[in-house]
Amino acid sequence: MLQYKAGYKFVDGGVHAQVLDFPAAITCGADLAEARRLLAIALIDVAETCFEQGQAIPQPNPLVTDEEMDLEEPIYLHLTASMDVKE
């Protein structure tokens, strides 16, 4: 499990959300609950894309912060491994 930092900015019409130490993971939602849910999905999608393209994912940076965000909190990326065995 990797712990990144999520940032949320309340804007007219919704909530802008991004993973501060995984910049490609970004989204927005109508409210905080939706923004959190969509950001978790975005983080998984971006991480999977990195793996599929043979790229490393960014290392979490516990010191990262963004003063423009209204709320910052941890967001977790759980990785699982599997092996398809074909006979």
PDB file of N, CA and C in Angstrom:
ATOM      1  N   MET A   1       0.852  -1.167   0.000  1.00  0.00           N
ATOM      2  CA  MET A   1       0.000   0.000   0.000  1.00  0.00           C
ATOM      3  C   MET A   1       0.898   1.230   0.000  1.00  0.00           C
ATOM      4  N   LEU A   2       0.567   2.157  -0.866  1.00  0.00           N
ATOM      5  CA  LEU A   2       1.284   3.425  -0.934  1.00  0.00           C
ATOM      6  C   LEU A   2       0.359   4.540  -0.473  1.00  0.00           C
ATOM      7  N   GLN A   3       0.888   5.459   0.318  1.00  0.00           N
ATOM      8  CA  GLN A   3       0.091   6.581   0.806  1.00  0.00           C
ATOM      9  C   GLN A   3       0.517   7.855   0.099  1.00  0.00           C
ATOM     10  N   TYR A   4      -0.383   8.390  -0.714  1.00  0.00           N
ATOM     11  CA  TYR A   4      -0.182   9.665  -1.386  1.00  0.00           C
ATOM     12  C   TYR A   4      -0.985  10.727  -0.644  1.00  0.00           C
ATOM     13  N   LYS A   5      -0.967  11.958  -1.160  1.00  0.00           N
ATOM     14  CA  LYS A   5      -1.749  13.027  -0.539  1.00  0.00           C
ATOM     15  C   LYS A   5      -2.736  13.600  -1.559  1.00  0.00           C
ATOM     16  N   ALA A   6      -4.004  13.583  -1.177  1.00  0.00           N
ATOM     17  CA  ALA A   6      -5.066  14.146  -2.000  1.00  0.00           C
ATOM     18  C   ALA A   6      -5.320  15.585  -1.584  1.00  0.00           C
ATOM     19  N   GLY A   7      -5.592  16.432  -2.569  1.00  0.00           N
ATOM     20  CA  GLY A   7      -5.947  17.822  -2.300  1.00  0.00           C
ATOM     21  C   GLY A   7      -7.293  18.128  -2.929  1.00  0.00           C
ATOM     22  N   TYR A   8      -8.102  18.911  -2.229  1.00  0.00           N
ATOM     23  CA  TYR A   8      -9.443  19.261  -2.691  1.00  0.00           C
ATOM     24  C   TYR A   8      -9.620  20.767  -2.627  1.00  0.00           C
ATOM     25  N   LYS A   9     -10.146  21.333  -3.691  1.00  0.00           N
ATOM     26  CA  LYS A   9     -10.415  22.773  -3.779  1.00  0.00           C
ATOM     27  C   LYS A   9     -11.893  22.938  -4.081  1.00  0.00           C
ATOM     28  N   PHE A  10     -12.594  23.641  -3.209  1.00  0.00           N
ATOM     29  CA  PHE A  10     -14.018  23.891  -3.412  1.00  0.00           C
ATOM     30  C   PHE A  10     -14.186  25.059  -4.374  1.00  0.00           C
ATOM     31  N   VAL A  11     -14.872  24.801  -5.474  1.00  0.00           N
ATOM     32  CA  VAL A  11     -15.083  25.808  -6.516  1.00  0.00           C
ATOM     33  C   VAL A  11     -16.575  25.889  -6.813  1.00  0.00           C
ATOM     34  N   ASP A  12     -16.972  26.934  -7.510  1.00  0.00           N
ATOM     35  CA  ASP A  12     -18.377  27.052  -7.897  1.00  0.00           C
ATOM     36  C   ASP A  12     -18.783  25.821  -8.693  1.00  0.00           C
ATOM     37  N   GLY A  13     -19.807  25.159  -8.241  1.00  0.00           N
ATOM     38  CA  GLY A  13     -20.323  24.006  -8.964  1.00  0.00           C
ATOM     39  C   GLY A  13     -19.681  22.682  -8.608  1.00  0.00           C
ATOM     40  N   GLY A  14     -18.750  22.649  -7.659  1.00  0.00           N
ATOM     41  CA  GLY A  14     -18.179  21.352  -7.332  1.00  0.00           C
ATOM     42  C   GLY A  14     -16.884  21.412  -6.560  1.00  0.00           C
ATOM     43  N   VAL A  15     -16.141  20.315  -6.674  1.00  0.00           N
ATOM     44  CA  VAL A  15     -14.881  20.163  -5.950  1.00  0.00           C
ATOM     45  C   VAL A  15     -13.821  19.652  -6.920  1.00  0.00           C
ATOM     46  N   HIS A  16     -12.745  20.408  -7.054  1.00  0.00           N
ATOM     47  CA  HIS A  16     -11.582  20.000  -7.845  1.00  0.00           C
ATOM     48  C   HIS A  16     -10.736  19.097  -6.950  1.00  0.00           C
ATOM     49  N   ALA A  17     -10.281  17.957  -7.476  1.00  0.00           N
ATOM     50  CA  ALA A  17      -9.512  16.995  -6.685  1.00  0.00           C
ATOM     51  C   ALA A  17      -8.289  16.535  -7.459  1.00  0.00           C
ATOM     52  N   GLN A  18      -7.171  16.403  -6.753  1.00  0.00           N
ATOM     53  CA  GLN A  18      -5.978  15.854  -7.386  1.00  0.00           C
ATOM     54  C   GLN A  18      -5.091  15.199  -6.347  1.00  0.00           C
ATOM     55  N   VAL A  19      -4.300  14.243  -6.825  1.00  0.00           N
ATOM     56  CA  VAL A  19      -3.296  13.620  -5.963  1.00  0.00           C
ATOM     57  C   VAL A  19      -2.043  14.471  -6.120  1.00  0.00           C
ATOM     58  N   LEU A  20      -1.667  15.146  -5.049  1.00  0.00           N
ATOM     59  CA  LEU A  20      -0.609  16.144  -5.128  1.00  0.00           C
ATOM     60  C   LEU A  20       0.744  15.556  -5.506  1.00  0.00           C
ATOM     61  N   ASP A  21       1.029  14.339  -5.075  1.00  0.00           N
ATOM     62  CA  ASP A  21       2.312  13.726  -5.390  1.00  0.00           C
ATOM     63  C   ASP A  21       2.209  12.669  -6.498  1.00  0.00           C
ATOM     64  N   PHE A  22       1.101  12.688  -7.238  1.00  0.00           N
ATOM     65  CA  PHE A  22       0.909  11.848  -8.432  1.00  0.00           C
ATOM     66  C   PHE A  22       0.112  12.715  -9.410  1.00  0.00           C
ATOM     67  N   PRO A  23       0.775  13.722 -10.003  1.00  0.00           N
ATOM     68  CA  PRO A  23       0.094  14.810 -10.708  1.00  0.00           C
ATOM     69  C   PRO A  23      -0.886  14.414 -11.815  1.00  0.00           C
ATOM     70  N   ALA A  24      -0.734  13.254 -12.407  1.00  0.00           N
ATOM     71  CA  ALA A  24      -1.653  12.866 -13.479  1.00  0.00           C
ATOM     72  C   ALA A  24      -3.027  12.457 -12.954  1.00  0.00           C
ATOM     73  N   ALA A  25      -3.140  12.197 -11.665  1.00  0.00           N
ATOM     74  CA  ALA A  25      -4.416  11.789 -11.068  1.00  0.00           C
ATOM     75  C   ALA A  25      -5.177  13.045 -10.649  1.00  0.00           C
ATOM     76  N   ILE A  26      -6.156  13.407 -11.459  1.00  0.00           N
ATOM     77  CA  ILE A  26      -6.896  14.645 -11.256  1.00  0.00           C
ATOM     78  C   ILE A  26      -8.336  14.454 -11.719  1.00  0.00           C
ATOM     79  N   THR A  27      -9.278  15.075 -11.046  1.00  0.00           N
ATOM     80  CA  THR A  27     -10.686  14.950 -11.417  1.00  0.00           C
ATOM     81  C   THR A  27     -11.481  16.052 -10.731  1.00  0.00           C
ATOM     82  N   CYS A  28     -12.779  16.002 -10.857  1.00  0.00           N
ATOM     83  CA  CYS A  28     -13.654  16.916 -10.119  1.00  0.00           C
ATOM     84  C   CYS A  28     -14.979  16.204  -9.877  1.00  0.00           C
ATOM     85  N   GLY A  29     -15.685  16.660  -8.862  1.00  0.00           N
ATOM     86  CA  GLY A  29     -16.965  16.067  -8.515  1.00  0.00           C
ATOM     87  C   GLY A  29     -17.945  17.136  -8.081  1.00  0.00           C
ATOM     88  N   ALA A  30     -19.194  16.758  -7.998  1.00  0.00           N
ATOM     89  CA  ALA A  30     -20.243  17.689  -7.602  1.00  0.00           C
ATOM     90  C   ALA A  30     -20.125  18.066  -6.129  1.00  0.00           C
ATOM     91  N   ASP A  31     -19.607  17.137  -5.316  1.00  0.00           N
ATOM     92  CA  ASP A  31     -19.423  17.394  -3.889  1.00  0.00           C
ATOM     93  C   ASP A  31     -18.187  16.623  -3.428  1.00  0.00           C
ATOM     94  N   LEU A  32     -17.825  16.778  -2.157  1.00  0.00           N
ATOM     95  CA  LEU A  32     -16.605  16.157  -1.657  1.00  0.00           C
ATOM     96  C   LEU A  32     -16.651  14.637  -1.746  1.00  0.00           C
ATOM     97  N   ALA A  33     -17.777  14.038  -1.422  1.00  0.00           N
ATOM     98  CA  ALA A  33     -17.883  12.576  -1.478  1.00  0.00           C
ATOM     99  C   ALA A  33     -17.647  12.066  -2.894  1.00  0.00           C
ATOM    100  N   GLU A  34     -18.259  12.710  -3.871  1.00  0.00           N
ATOM    101  CA  GLU A  34     -18.067  12.283  -5.261  1.00  0.00           C
ATOM    102  C   GLU A  34     -16.633  12.531  -5.702  1.00  0.00           C
ATOM    103  N   ALA A  35     -16.056  13.672  -5.318  1.00  0.00           N
ATOM    104  CA  ALA A  35     -14.675  13.975  -5.688  1.00  0.00           C
ATOM    105  C   ALA A  35     -13.717  12.938  -5.117  1.00  0.00           C
ATOM    106  N   ARG A  36     -13.940  12.528  -3.882  1.00  0.00           N
ATOM    107  CA  ARG A  36     -13.098  11.487  -3.276  1.00  0.00           C
ATOM    108  C   ARG A  36     -13.202  10.179  -4.045  1.00  0.00           C
ATOM    109  N   ARG A  37     -14.426   9.781  -4.356  1.00  0.00           N
ATOM    110  CA  ARG A  37     -14.645   8.516  -5.075  1.00  0.00           C
ATOM    111  C   ARG A  37     -13.988   8.564  -6.458  1.00  0.00           C
ATOM    112  N   LEU A  38     -14.186   9.656  -7.182  1.00  0.00           N
ATOM    113  CA  LEU A  38     -13.631   9.777  -8.526  1.00  0.00           C
ATOM    114  C   LEU A  38     -12.109   9.888  -8.505  1.00  0.00           C
ATOM    115  N   LEU A  39     -11.564  10.520  -7.458  1.00  0.00           N
ATOM    116  CA  LEU A  39     -10.113  10.631  -7.373  1.00  0.00           C
ATOM    117  C   LEU A  39      -9.479   9.263  -7.113  1.00  0.00           C
ATOM    118  N   ALA A  40     -10.114   8.444  -6.302  1.00  0.00           N
ATOM    119  CA  ALA A  40      -9.602   7.085  -6.074  1.00  0.00           C
ATOM    120  C   ALA A  40      -9.572   6.303  -7.384  1.00  0.00           C
ATOM    121  N   ILE A  41     -10.616   6.437  -8.170  1.00  0.00           N
ATOM    122  CA  ILE A  41     -10.670   5.763  -9.477  1.00  0.00           C
ATOM    123  C   ILE A  41      -9.582   6.306 -10.394  1.00  0.00           C
ATOM    124  N   ALA A  42      -9.406   7.631 -10.412  1.00  0.00           N
ATOM    125  CA  ALA A  42      -8.377   8.243 -11.258  1.00  0.00           C
ATOM    126  C   ALA A  42      -6.988   7.763 -10.866  1.00  0.00           C
ATOM    127  N   LEU A  43      -6.726   7.660  -9.570  1.00  0.00           N
ATOM    128  CA  LEU A  43      -5.420   7.197  -9.113  1.00  0.00           C
ATOM    129  C   LEU A  43      -5.152   5.774  -9.587  1.00  0.00           C
ATOM    130  N   ILE A  44      -6.119   4.909  -9.475  1.00  0.00           N
ATOM    131  CA  ILE A  44      -5.964   3.531  -9.952  1.00  0.00           C
ATOM    132  C   ILE A  44      -5.735   3.506 -11.462  1.00  0.00           C
ATOM    133  N   ASP A  45      -6.536   4.254 -12.205  1.00  0.00           N
ATOM    134  CA  ASP A  45      -6.414   4.275 -13.660  1.00  0.00           C
ATOM    135  C   ASP A  45      -5.038   4.766 -14.112  1.00  0.00           C
ATOM    136  N   VAL A  46      -4.555   5.828 -13.492  1.00  0.00           N
ATOM    137  CA  VAL A  46      -3.253   6.380 -13.878  1.00  0.00           C
ATOM    138  C   VAL A  46      -2.129   5.416 -13.512  1.00  0.00           C
ATOM    139  N   ALA A  47      -2.216   4.797 -12.337  1.00  0.00           N
ATOM    140  CA  ALA A  47      -1.185   3.831 -11.933  1.00  0.00           C
ATOM    141  C   ALA A  47      -1.174   2.638 -12.895  1.00  0.00           C
ATOM    142  N   GLU A  48      -2.349   2.126 -13.243  1.00  0.00           N
ATOM    143  CA  GLU A  48      -2.418   0.996 -14.180  1.00  0.00           C
ATOM    144  C   GLU A  48      -1.834   1.376 -15.535  1.00  0.00           C
ATOM    145  N   THR A  49      -2.104   2.580 -15.990  1.00  0.00           N
ATOM    146  CA  THR A  49      -1.560   3.044 -17.268  1.00  0.00           C
ATOM    147  C   THR A  49      -0.037   3.101 -17.211  1.00  0.00           C
ATOM    148  N   CYS A  50       0.505   3.598 -16.110  1.00  0.00           N
ATOM    149  CA  CYS A  50       1.964   3.628 -15.958  1.00  0.00           C
ATOM    150  C   CYS A  50       2.544   2.221 -16.075  1.00  0.00           C
ATOM    151  N   PHE A  51       1.945   1.272 -15.362  1.00  0.00           N
ATOM    152  CA  PHE A  51       2.433  -0.107 -15.405  1.00  0.00           C
ATOM    153  C   PHE A  51       2.337  -0.697 -16.809  1.00  0.00           C
ATOM    154  N   GLU A  52       1.221  -0.467 -17.472  1.00  0.00           N
ATOM    155  CA  GLU A  52       1.029  -1.000 -18.826  1.00  0.00           C
ATOM    156  C   GLU A  52       2.055  -0.437 -19.803  1.00  0.00           C
ATOM    157  N   GLN A  53       2.495   0.788 -19.585  1.00  0.00           N
ATOM    158  CA  GLN A  53       3.472   1.422 -20.462  1.00  0.00           C
ATOM    159  C   GLN A  53       4.906   1.222 -19.996  1.00  0.00           C
ATOM    160  N   GLY A  54       5.073   0.428 -18.941  1.00  0.00           N
ATOM    161  CA  GLY A  54       6.406   0.133 -18.430  1.00  0.00           C
ATOM    162  C   GLY A  54       7.049   1.297 -17.702  1.00  0.00           C
ATOM    163  N   GLN A  55       6.253   2.222 -17.216  1.00  0.00           N
ATOM    164  CA  GLN A  55       6.764   3.391 -16.506  1.00  0.00           C
ATOM    165  C   GLN A  55       6.634   3.189 -14.999  1.00  0.00           C
ATOM    166  N   ALA A  56       7.528   3.809 -14.285  1.00  0.00           N
ATOM    167  CA  ALA A  56       7.457   3.773 -12.827  1.00  0.00           C
ATOM    168  C   ALA A  56       6.376   4.742 -12.351  1.00  0.00           C
ATOM    169  N   ILE A  57       5.773   4.416 -11.223  1.00  0.00           N
ATOM    170  CA  ILE A  57       4.827   5.354 -10.631  1.00  0.00           C
ATOM    171  C   ILE A  57       5.602   6.273  -9.686  1.00  0.00           C
ATOM    172  N   PRO A  58       5.122   7.493  -9.483  1.00  0.00           N
ATOM    173  CA  PRO A  58       5.829   8.413  -8.590  1.00  0.00           C
ATOM    174  C   PRO A  58       5.882   7.889  -7.153  1.00  0.00           C
ATOM    175  N   GLN A  59       6.972   8.162  -6.487  1.00  0.00           N
ATOM    176  CA  GLN A  59       7.097   7.810  -5.076  1.00  0.00           C
ATOM    177  C   GLN A  59       6.287   8.802  -4.248  1.00  0.00           C
ATOM    178  N   PRO A  60       5.556   8.329  -3.261  1.00  0.00           N
ATOM    179  CA  PRO A  60       4.822   9.254  -2.396  1.00  0.00           C
ATOM    180  C   PRO A  60       5.767  10.233  -1.709  1.00  0.00           C
ATOM    181  N   ASN A  61       5.312  11.455  -1.579  1.00  0.00           N
ATOM    182  CA  ASN A  61       6.090  12.496  -0.916  1.00  0.00           C
ATOM    183  C   ASN A  61       5.273  13.037   0.257  1.00  0.00           C
ATOM    184  N   PRO A  62       5.556  12.603   1.467  1.00  0.00           N
ATOM    185  CA  PRO A  62       4.752  13.027   2.619  1.00  0.00           C
ATOM    186  C   PRO A  62       4.852  14.518   2.917  1.00  0.00           C
ATOM    187  N   LEU A  63       5.822  15.201   2.320  1.00  0.00           N
ATOM    188  CA  LEU A  63       6.002  16.627   2.573  1.00  0.00           C
ATOM    189  C   LEU A  63       5.263  17.512   1.573  1.00  0.00           C
ATOM    190  N   VAL A  64       4.708  16.914   0.520  1.00  0.00           N
ATOM    191  CA  VAL A  64       4.054  17.716  -0.506  1.00  0.00           C
ATOM    192  C   VAL A  64       2.803  18.386   0.061  1.00  0.00           C
ATOM    193  N   THR A  65       2.579  19.621  -0.373  1.00  0.00           N
ATOM    194  CA  THR A  65       1.397  20.371   0.030  1.00  0.00           C
ATOM    195  C   THR A  65       1.095  21.400  -1.053  1.00  0.00           C
ATOM    196  N   ASP A  66      -0.114  21.901  -1.065  1.00  0.00           N
ATOM    197  CA  ASP A  66      -0.507  22.927  -2.028  1.00  0.00           C
ATOM    198  C   ASP A  66      -1.383  23.933  -1.290  1.00  0.00           C
ATOM    199  N   GLU A  67      -0.870  25.115  -1.126  1.00  0.00           N
ATOM    200  CA  GLU A  67      -1.583  26.132  -0.343  1.00  0.00           C
ATOM    201  C   GLU A  67      -2.904  26.554  -0.968  1.00  0.00           C
ATOM    202  N   GLU A  68      -3.114  26.234  -2.241  1.00  0.00           N
ATOM    203  CA  GLU A  68      -4.379  26.584  -2.895  1.00  0.00           C
ATOM    204  C   GLU A  68      -5.505  25.600  -2.552  1.00  0.00           C
ATOM    205  N   MET A  69      -5.155  24.459  -1.989  1.00  0.00           N
ATOM    206  CA  MET A  69      -6.162  23.457  -1.647  1.00  0.00           C
ATOM    207  C   MET A  69      -6.867  23.840  -0.343  1.00  0.00           C
ATOM    208  N   ASP A  70      -8.157  23.555  -0.298  1.00  0.00           N
ATOM    209  CA  ASP A  70      -8.937  23.803   0.911  1.00  0.00           C
ATOM    210  C   ASP A  70      -8.832  22.652   1.908  1.00  0.00           C
ATOM    211  N   LEU A  71      -8.539  21.465   1.394  1.00  0.00           N
ATOM    212  CA  LEU A  71      -8.449  20.271   2.230  1.00  0.00           C
ATOM    213  C   LEU A  71      -7.389  19.349   1.650  1.00  0.00           C
ATOM    214  N   GLU A  72      -6.537  18.824   2.512  1.00  0.00           N
ATOM    215  CA  GLU A  72      -5.565  17.809   2.107  1.00  0.00           C
ATOM    216  C   GLU A  72      -5.721  16.624   3.050  1.00  0.00           C
ATOM    217  N   GLU A  73      -5.625  15.404   2.485  1.00  0.00           N
ATOM    218  CA  GLU A  73      -5.754  14.196   3.294  1.00  0.00           C
ATOM    219  C   GLU A  73      -5.068  13.040   2.577  1.00  0.00           C
ATOM    220  N   PRO A  74      -4.762  11.969   3.288  1.00  0.00           N
ATOM    221  CA  PRO A  74      -4.129  10.814   2.651  1.00  0.00           C
ATOM    222  C   PRO A  74      -5.096  10.122   1.684  1.00  0.00           C
ATOM    223  N   ILE A  75      -4.505   9.557   0.647  1.00  0.00           N
ATOM    224  CA  ILE A  75      -5.234   8.673  -0.265  1.00  0.00           C
ATOM    225  C   ILE A  75      -4.306   7.485  -0.504  1.00  0.00           C
ATOM    226  N   TYR A  76      -4.871   6.292  -0.505  1.00  0.00           N
ATOM    227  CA  TYR A  76      -4.059   5.077  -0.529  1.00  0.00           C
ATOM    228  C   TYR A  76      -4.218   4.329  -1.849  1.00  0.00           C
ATOM    229  N   LEU A  77      -3.085   3.862  -2.361  1.00  0.00           N
ATOM    230  CA  LEU A  77      -3.072   3.024  -3.556  1.00  0.00           C
ATOM    231  C   LEU A  77      -2.686   1.620  -3.113  1.00  0.00           C
ATOM    232  N   HIS A  78      -3.620   0.700  -3.249  1.00  0.00           N
ATOM    233  CA  HIS A  78      -3.373  -0.706  -2.893  1.00  0.00           C
ATOM    234  C   HIS A  78      -3.031  -1.458  -4.172  1.00  0.00           C
ATOM    235  N   LEU A  79      -1.898  -2.096  -4.183  1.00  0.00           N
ATOM    236  CA  LEU A  79      -1.451  -2.847  -5.343  1.00  0.00           C
ATOM    237  C   LEU A  79      -1.566  -4.335  -5.059  1.00  0.00           C
ATOM    238  N   THR A  80      -2.022  -5.084  -6.051  1.00  0.00           N
ATOM    239  CA  THR A  80      -2.073  -6.533  -5.924  1.00  0.00           C
ATOM    240  C   THR A  80      -1.347  -7.135  -7.119  1.00  0.00           C
ATOM    241  N   ALA A  81      -0.850  -8.300  -6.919  1.00  0.00           N
ATOM    242  CA  ALA A  81      -0.155  -9.000  -7.990  1.00  0.00           C
ATOM    243  C   ALA A  81      -0.898 -10.298  -8.262  1.00  0.00           C
ATOM    244  N   SER A  82      -0.879 -10.697  -9.510  1.00  0.00           N
ATOM    245  CA  SER A  82      -1.472 -11.971  -9.868  1.00  0.00           C
ATOM    246  C   SER A  82      -0.684 -12.553 -11.041  1.00  0.00           C
ATOM    247  N   MET A  83      -0.864 -13.838 -11.235  1.00  0.00           N
ATOM    248  CA  MET A  83      -0.183 -14.496 -12.332  1.00  0.00           C
ATOM    249  C   MET A  83      -1.179 -15.397 -13.026  1.00  0.00           C
ATOM    250  N   ASP A  84      -1.316 -15.195 -14.314  1.00  0.00           N
ATOM    251  CA  ASP A  84      -2.170 -16.084 -15.097  1.00  0.00           C
ATOM    252  C   ASP A  84      -1.320 -17.264 -15.539  1.00  0.00           C
ATOM    253  N   VAL A  85      -1.741 -18.435 -15.181  1.00  0.00           N
ATOM    254  CA  VAL A  85      -1.035 -19.640 -15.562  1.00  0.00           C
ATOM    255  C   VAL A  85      -1.823 -20.324 -16.663  1.00  0.00           C
ATOM    256  N   LYS A  86      -1.182 -20.498 -17.804  1.00  0.00           N
ATOM    257  CA  LYS A  86      -1.845 -21.151 -18.924  1.00  0.00           C
ATOM    258  C   LYS A  86      -1.133 -22.466 -19.206  1.00  0.00           C
ATOM    259  N   GLU A  87      -1.908 -23.514 -19.421  1.00  0.00           N
ATOM    260  CA  GLU A  87      -1.312 -24.807 -19.721  1.00  0.00           C
ATOM    261  C   GLU A  87      -1.510 -25.146 -21.167  1.00  0.00           C
TER     262      GLU A  87
END
